[in-house]
Amino acid sequence: MPVERPAIEPIRATFRADCIAEKQLDELQEATLIVLEEVGVKFPSEKALAIFADHGAQVDHETQVVKLPRDMVKKALASVPRYFQVGARLHEYGFQ
């Protein structure tokens, strides 16, 4: 059963330095989705290509390029955790 999650929101810090306007951020997101949809991304892995194909992406096995529909990208982003705990279990991998 899929878990309904809120849309991804940027990390909010107490200190804010606006380097890019909201409109520019929206334009950057739109341009990124266009590149993923129309140009695609090269994945030199047959396993990765098969996974993308199984999930409905347009896969060219000859060029190893995957084109991702924006709905697929948004669905994937909606499924990731909102927060990550970094370094909590590094000792299990031999790190101090």
C-alpha atoms as a PDB file:
ATOM      1  CA  MET A   1       0.000   0.000   0.000  1.00  0.00           C
ATOM      2  CA  PRO A   2       1.660   3.281  -1.075  1.00  0.00           C
ATOM      3  CA  VAL A   3       2.291   5.882   1.586  1.00  0.00           C
ATOM      4  CA  GLU A   4       0.994   9.365   0.794  1.00  0.00           C
ATOM      5  CA  ARG A   5       3.768  11.892   1.372  1.00  0.00           C
ATOM      6  CA  PRO A   6       3.805  15.669   1.060  1.00  0.00           C
ATOM      7  CA  ALA A   7       5.601  17.342  -1.834  1.00  0.00           C
ATOM      8  CA  ILE A   8       9.334  17.849  -1.425  1.00  0.00           C
ATOM      9  CA  GLU A   9      10.201  21.145   0.164  1.00  0.00           C
ATOM     10  CA  PRO A  10      13.614  22.789   0.380  1.00  0.00           C
ATOM     11  CA  ILE A  11      15.584  22.612   3.606  1.00  0.00           C
ATOM     12  CA  ARG A  12      14.912  25.740   5.628  1.00  0.00           C
ATOM     13  CA  ALA A  13      17.813  27.111   7.645  1.00  0.00           C
ATOM     14  CA  THR A  14      17.699  29.865  10.250  1.00  0.00           C
ATOM     15  CA  PHE A  15      20.165  31.850   8.135  1.00  0.00           C
ATOM     16  CA  ARG A  16      18.853  32.648   4.686  1.00  0.00           C
ATOM     17  CA  ALA A  17      20.881  33.913   1.763  1.00  0.00           C
ATOM     18  CA  ASP A  18      18.707  34.197  -1.316  1.00  0.00           C
ATOM     19  CA  CYS A  19      20.912  33.362  -4.265  1.00  0.00           C
ATOM     20  CA  ILE A  20      18.068  32.502  -6.606  1.00  0.00           C
ATOM     21  CA  ALA A  21      14.544  33.893  -6.802  1.00  0.00           C
ATOM     22  CA  GLU A  22      11.490  31.628  -6.488  1.00  0.00           C
ATOM     23  CA  LYS A  23      10.657  32.240 -10.165  1.00  0.00           C
ATOM     24  CA  GLN A  24      14.190  31.203 -11.157  1.00  0.00           C
ATOM     25  CA  LEU A  25      13.916  28.106  -8.978  1.00  0.00           C
ATOM     26  CA  ASP A  26      10.654  27.177 -10.721  1.00  0.00           C
ATOM     27  CA  GLU A  27      12.283  27.751 -14.118  1.00  0.00           C
ATOM     28  CA  LEU A  28      15.256  25.577 -13.120  1.00  0.00           C
ATOM     29  CA  GLN A  29      12.938  22.770 -12.031  1.00  0.00           C
ATOM     30  CA  GLU A  30      10.972  22.983 -15.282  1.00  0.00           C
ATOM     31  CA  ALA A  31      14.173  22.953 -17.369  1.00  0.00           C
ATOM     32  CA  THR A  32      15.436  19.929 -15.434  1.00  0.00           C
ATOM     33  CA  LEU A  33      12.202  18.035 -16.087  1.00  0.00           C
ATOM     34  CA  ILE A  34      12.419  18.906 -19.798  1.00  0.00           C
ATOM     35  CA  VAL A  35      15.988  17.558 -19.996  1.00  0.00           C
ATOM     36  CA  LEU A  36      14.986  14.338 -18.218  1.00  0.00           C
ATOM     37  CA  GLU A  37      11.972  13.903 -20.541  1.00  0.00           C
ATOM     38  CA  GLU A  38      13.410  14.956 -23.886  1.00  0.00           C
ATOM     39  CA  VAL A  39      17.193  14.445 -23.695  1.00  0.00           C
ATOM     40  CA  GLY A  40      17.402  11.719 -21.088  1.00  0.00           C
ATOM     41  CA  VAL A  41      20.213  10.334 -18.968  1.00  0.00           C
ATOM     42  CA  LYS A  42      22.776   7.700 -19.931  1.00  0.00           C
ATOM     43  CA  PHE A  43      22.821   4.652 -17.659  1.00  0.00           C
ATOM     44  CA  PRO A  44      25.584   2.226 -18.697  1.00  0.00           C
ATOM     45  CA  SER A  45      24.014  -0.618 -16.726  1.00  0.00           C
ATOM     46  CA  GLU A  46      21.709  -3.243 -18.195  1.00  0.00           C
ATOM     47  CA  LYS A  47      20.227  -3.813 -14.757  1.00  0.00           C
ATOM     48  CA  ALA A  48      19.383  -0.104 -14.369  1.00  0.00           C
ATOM     49  CA  LEU A  49      17.949   0.028 -17.905  1.00  0.00           C
ATOM     50  CA  ALA A  50      15.737  -2.981 -17.158  1.00  0.00           C
ATOM     51  CA  ILE A  51      14.472  -1.413 -13.924  1.00  0.00           C
ATOM     52  CA  PHE A  52      13.629   1.854 -15.671  1.00  0.00           C
ATOM     53  CA  ALA A  53      11.893  -0.013 -18.510  1.00  0.00           C
ATOM     54  CA  ASP A  54       9.880  -2.053 -16.002  1.00  0.00           C
ATOM     55  CA  HIS A  55       8.653   1.182 -14.427  1.00  0.00           C
ATOM     56  CA  GLY A  56       7.568   2.802 -17.684  1.00  0.00           C
ATOM     57  CA  ALA A  57      10.541   4.922 -18.698  1.00  0.00           C
ATOM     58  CA  GLN A  58      11.497   5.181 -22.365  1.00  0.00           C
ATOM     59  CA  VAL A  59      14.711   3.149 -22.657  1.00  0.00           C
ATOM     60  CA  ASP A  60      17.055   2.969 -25.658  1.00  0.00           C
ATOM     61  CA  HIS A  61      19.218  -0.085 -24.955  1.00  0.00           C
ATOM     62  CA  GLU A  62      21.553   0.683 -27.856  1.00  0.00           C
ATOM     63  CA  THR A  63      22.522   4.163 -26.617  1.00  0.00           C
ATOM     64  CA  GLN A  64      21.787   3.323 -22.951  1.00  0.00           C
ATOM     65  CA  VAL A  65      19.730   6.514 -22.654  1.00  0.00           C
ATOM     66  CA  VAL A  66      16.669   6.654 -20.410  1.00  0.00           C
ATOM     67  CA  LYS A  67      14.003   9.337 -20.838  1.00  0.00           C
ATOM     68  CA  LEU A  68      11.983   9.912 -17.697  1.00  0.00           C
ATOM     69  CA  PRO A  69       8.429  11.261 -17.843  1.00  0.00           C
ATOM     70  CA  ARG A  70       7.900  14.108 -15.365  1.00  0.00           C
ATOM     71  CA  ASP A  71       5.133  12.174 -13.606  1.00  0.00           C
ATOM     72  CA  MET A  72       7.606   9.359 -12.929  1.00  0.00           C
ATOM     73  CA  VAL A  73      10.175  11.819 -11.550  1.00  0.00           C
ATOM     74  CA  LYS A  74       7.600  13.511  -9.314  1.00  0.00           C
ATOM     75  CA  LYS A  75       6.281  10.158  -8.075  1.00  0.00           C
ATOM     76  CA  ALA A  76       9.826   9.026  -7.244  1.00  0.00           C
ATOM     77  CA  LEU A  77      10.587  12.281  -5.418  1.00  0.00           C
ATOM     78  CA  ALA A  78       7.372  11.955  -3.426  1.00  0.00           C
ATOM     79  CA  SER A  79       8.455   8.515  -2.197  1.00  0.00           C
ATOM     80  CA  VAL A  80      11.836   9.473  -0.705  1.00  0.00           C
ATOM     81  CA  PRO A  81      12.178  10.180   3.009  1.00  0.00           C
ATOM     82  CA  ARG A  82      11.904  13.827   4.022  1.00  0.00           C
ATOM     83  CA  TYR A  83      14.911  13.537   6.350  1.00  0.00           C
ATOM     84  CA  PHE A  84      18.099  11.507   6.496  1.00  0.00           C
ATOM     85  CA  GLN A  85      20.201  10.707   9.539  1.00  0.00           C
ATOM     86  CA  VAL A  86      23.828  10.886   8.500  1.00  0.00           C
ATOM     87  CA  GLY A  87      26.643   9.075  10.263  1.00  0.00           C
ATOM     88  CA  ALA A  88      24.493   7.414  12.889  1.00  0.00           C
ATOM     89  CA  ARG A  89      25.756   3.876  12.193  1.00  0.00           C
ATOM     90  CA  LEU A  90      29.202   4.425  10.694  1.00  0.00           C
ATOM     91  CA  HIS A  91      30.757   2.324  13.475  1.00  0.00           C
ATOM     92  CA  GLU A  92      29.073  -0.746  11.948  1.00  0.00           C
ATOM     93  CA  TYR A  93      31.217  -0.228   8.846  1.00  0.00           C
ATOM     94  CA  GLY A  94      34.492   0.183  10.724  1.00  0.00           C
ATOM     95  CA  PHE A  95      34.477   3.984  10.927  1.00  0.00           C
ATOM     96  CA  GLN A  96      34.994   5.883  14.173  1.00  0.00           C
END
